[in-house]
């Protein structure tokens, strides 16, 4: 489900079945990394929608968490911890942060959610068939990761 009026109506009726949330992490920079951060955001945007469709009824796709790309690796961890607190209190057992910003991988231990870092591909430079193939491969990898996390908690 997406953060839209229609989907949120369904969410309130089926809340007990929706235990997973995706929060895309999208950097913004108007300096030397402008093109790179645009590419990262584009790529994550292309990836999250097929995931949302596949797991509709199991997960909620939140609007992107947009942040200024720091120069020294000073990522907004405290803000994500606030998100986690709110999401856990709202009944979400699984929090996945989807990003192409590799710096987040070094911060995963500070978070309770899972960082899913997918190296971005300049997706708009590919023709439609190549784009779909690339995205399908990446979505399969992410789907496997989600399934693995869900399975692990059943075994505990």
Protein backbone atom coordinates (compact mmCIF):
# COMPACT_ATOMS: atom_id res chain seq x y z
CA UNK A 1 0.00 0.00 0.00
CA UNK A 2 1.10 3.52 -0.73
CA UNK A 3 0.68 6.68 1.28
CA UNK A 4 -2.45 7.75 -0.63
CA UNK A 5 -5.98 8.43 0.53
CA UNK A 6 -7.41 5.33 -1.15
CA UNK A 7 -4.70 2.98 0.11
CA UNK A 8 -4.79 4.43 3.61
CA UNK A 9 -8.53 3.69 3.78
CA UNK A 10 -7.65 0.05 3.05
CA UNK A 11 -4.79 0.26 5.54
CA UNK A 12 -7.06 1.26 8.41
CA UNK A 13 -9.37 -1.67 7.63
CA UNK A 14 -6.55 -4.24 7.35
CA UNK A 15 -3.96 -2.79 9.73
CA UNK A 16 -3.41 -6.06 11.62
CA UNK A 17 -2.05 -7.72 8.44
CA UNK A 18 0.37 -4.95 7.49
CA UNK A 19 3.53 -5.45 9.51
CA UNK A 20 6.17 -4.10 7.15
CA UNK A 21 7.10 -0.62 6.01
CA UNK A 22 9.48 0.66 3.33
CA UNK A 23 10.99 4.08 3.84
CA UNK A 24 13.03 5.15 0.79
CA UNK A 25 16.09 7.22 1.73
CA UNK A 26 16.86 9.78 -0.97
CA UNK A 27 19.80 12.19 -0.84
CA UNK A 28 19.73 15.66 -2.36
CA UNK A 29 22.76 17.74 -3.25
CA UNK A 30 22.95 20.93 -5.28
CA UNK A 31 26.73 20.93 -5.25
CA UNK A 32 29.17 18.52 -6.92
CA UNK A 33 26.92 15.46 -6.52
CA UNK A 34 23.77 16.83 -8.14
CA UNK A 35 23.61 14.34 -11.02
CA UNK A 36 24.53 11.43 -8.78
CA UNK A 37 21.87 12.17 -6.15
CA UNK A 38 19.23 12.63 -8.85
CA UNK A 39 20.22 9.26 -10.31
CA UNK A 40 19.98 7.60 -6.87
CA UNK A 41 16.52 9.03 -6.22
CA UNK A 42 15.30 8.07 -9.70
CA UNK A 43 16.52 4.52 -9.26
CA UNK A 44 14.95 4.03 -5.84
CA UNK A 45 11.67 5.48 -7.15
CA UNK A 46 11.65 2.93 -9.96
CA UNK A 47 12.41 0.07 -7.53
CA UNK A 48 9.85 0.70 -4.80
CA UNK A 49 6.70 0.62 -6.89
CA UNK A 50 6.96 -3.00 -8.11
CA UNK A 51 7.75 -4.04 -4.52
CA UNK A 52 4.68 -2.23 -3.25
CA UNK A 53 2.51 -3.93 -5.87
CA UNK A 54 3.89 -7.39 -5.09
CA UNK A 55 3.39 -7.07 -1.35
CA UNK A 56 0.22 -4.98 -1.24
CA UNK A 57 -1.63 -6.03 1.88
CA UNK A 58 1.62 -6.88 3.67
CA UNK A 59 3.57 -3.64 3.51
CA UNK A 60 3.19 0.10 3.44
CA UNK A 61 5.35 2.26 1.17
CA UNK A 62 5.98 5.62 2.81
CA UNK A 63 6.92 8.81 0.97
CA UNK A 64 10.65 9.20 0.55
CA UNK A 65 12.77 10.48 3.42
CA UNK A 66 14.70 13.22 1.66
CA UNK A 67 17.85 14.63 3.23
CA UNK A 68 20.74 16.85 2.23
CA UNK A 69 23.71 14.72 1.26
CA UNK A 70 26.34 15.56 3.87
CA UNK A 71 29.95 16.16 2.93
CA UNK A 72 31.41 14.34 5.92
CA UNK A 73 29.08 11.35 6.33
CA UNK A 74 26.92 13.05 8.97
CA UNK A 75 23.68 11.27 8.09
CA UNK A 76 20.42 12.14 9.94
CA UNK A 77 20.36 9.05 12.19
CA UNK A 78 18.40 10.75 14.99
CA UNK A 79 15.55 11.54 12.62
CA UNK A 80 15.35 7.92 11.49
CA UNK A 81 15.36 6.76 15.11
CA UNK A 82 12.32 9.00 15.67
CA UNK A 83 10.66 7.38 12.65
CA UNK A 84 11.45 3.92 14.01
CA UNK A 85 9.92 4.75 17.37
CA UNK A 86 6.71 5.94 15.72
CA UNK A 87 6.56 3.01 13.31
CA UNK A 88 7.15 0.39 16.02
CA UNK A 89 4.49 2.05 18.21
CA UNK A 90 2.13 1.83 15.22
CA UNK A 91 2.57 -1.94 14.95
CA UNK A 92 5.20 -2.30 12.24
CA UNK A 93 7.55 -5.20 13.01
CA UNK A 94 9.74 -4.81 9.92
CA UNK A 95 11.25 -1.54 8.75
CA UNK A 96 13.22 -1.49 5.52
CA UNK A 97 15.16 1.57 4.43
CA UNK A 98 15.71 1.38 0.68
CA UNK A 99 18.55 3.54 -0.64
CA UNK A 100 21.34 3.85 -3.17
CA UNK A 101 23.46 5.92 -0.81
CA UNK A 102 26.22 3.53 0.25
CA UNK A 103 27.02 5.60 3.36
CA UNK A 104 23.90 4.27 5.09
CA UNK A 105 25.41 0.78 5.27
CA UNK A 106 27.89 2.02 7.85
CA UNK A 107 25.02 3.29 10.03
CA UNK A 108 22.82 0.19 10.05
CA UNK A 109 24.01 -0.93 13.49
CA UNK A 110 22.62 2.30 14.97
CA UNK A 111 19.16 1.51 13.62
CA UNK A 112 16.61 -1.19 14.38
CA UNK A 113 15.40 -1.34 10.79
CA UNK A 114 17.22 -2.92 7.87
CA UNK A 115 19.19 -0.88 5.34
CA UNK A 116 18.71 -2.23 1.84
CA UNK A 117 21.33 -0.55 -0.30
CA UNK A 118 21.03 -1.07 -4.02
CA UNK A 119 23.75 0.54 -6.16
CA UNK A 120 22.01 2.88 -8.53
CA UNK A 121 21.97 2.38 -12.25
CA UNK A 122 21.44 5.30 -14.64
CA UNK A 123 18.07 3.79 -15.44
CA UNK A 124 16.80 6.53 -17.74
CA UNK A 125 19.72 5.94 -20.10
CA UNK A 126 18.50 2.42 -20.91
CA UNK A 127 15.79 1.48 -23.33
CA UNK A 128 12.53 0.19 -21.87
CA UNK A 129 13.36 -3.54 -22.24
CA UNK A 130 16.77 -3.20 -20.59
CA UNK A 131 15.30 -1.02 -17.87
CA UNK A 132 12.63 -3.59 -17.08
CA UNK A 133 15.18 -6.42 -17.00
CA UNK A 134 17.44 -4.50 -14.63
CA UNK A 135 14.56 -3.60 -12.35
CA UNK A 136 13.15 -7.14 -12.32
CA UNK A 137 16.54 -8.52 -11.26
CA UNK A 138 16.90 -5.97 -8.48
CA UNK A 139 13.31 -6.47 -7.27
CA UNK A 140 13.93 -10.24 -7.06
CA UNK A 141 16.96 -9.63 -4.83
CA UNK A 142 15.01 -7.30 -2.55
CA UNK A 143 12.03 -9.66 -2.45
CA UNK A 144 14.36 -12.47 -1.32
CA UNK A 145 15.76 -10.27 1.42
CA UNK A 146 12.27 -9.37 2.67
CA UNK A 147 11.20 -12.99 2.64
CA UNK A 148 14.36 -14.01 4.51
CA UNK A 149 13.70 -11.41 7.25
CA UNK A 150 10.08 -12.55 7.59
CA UNK A 151 11.18 -16.21 7.77
CA UNK A 152 13.81 -15.47 10.42
CA UNK A 153 11.27 -14.00 12.78
CA UNK A 154 8.99 -17.05 12.41
CA UNK A 155 11.86 -19.27 13.53
CA UNK A 156 12.61 -17.24 16.65
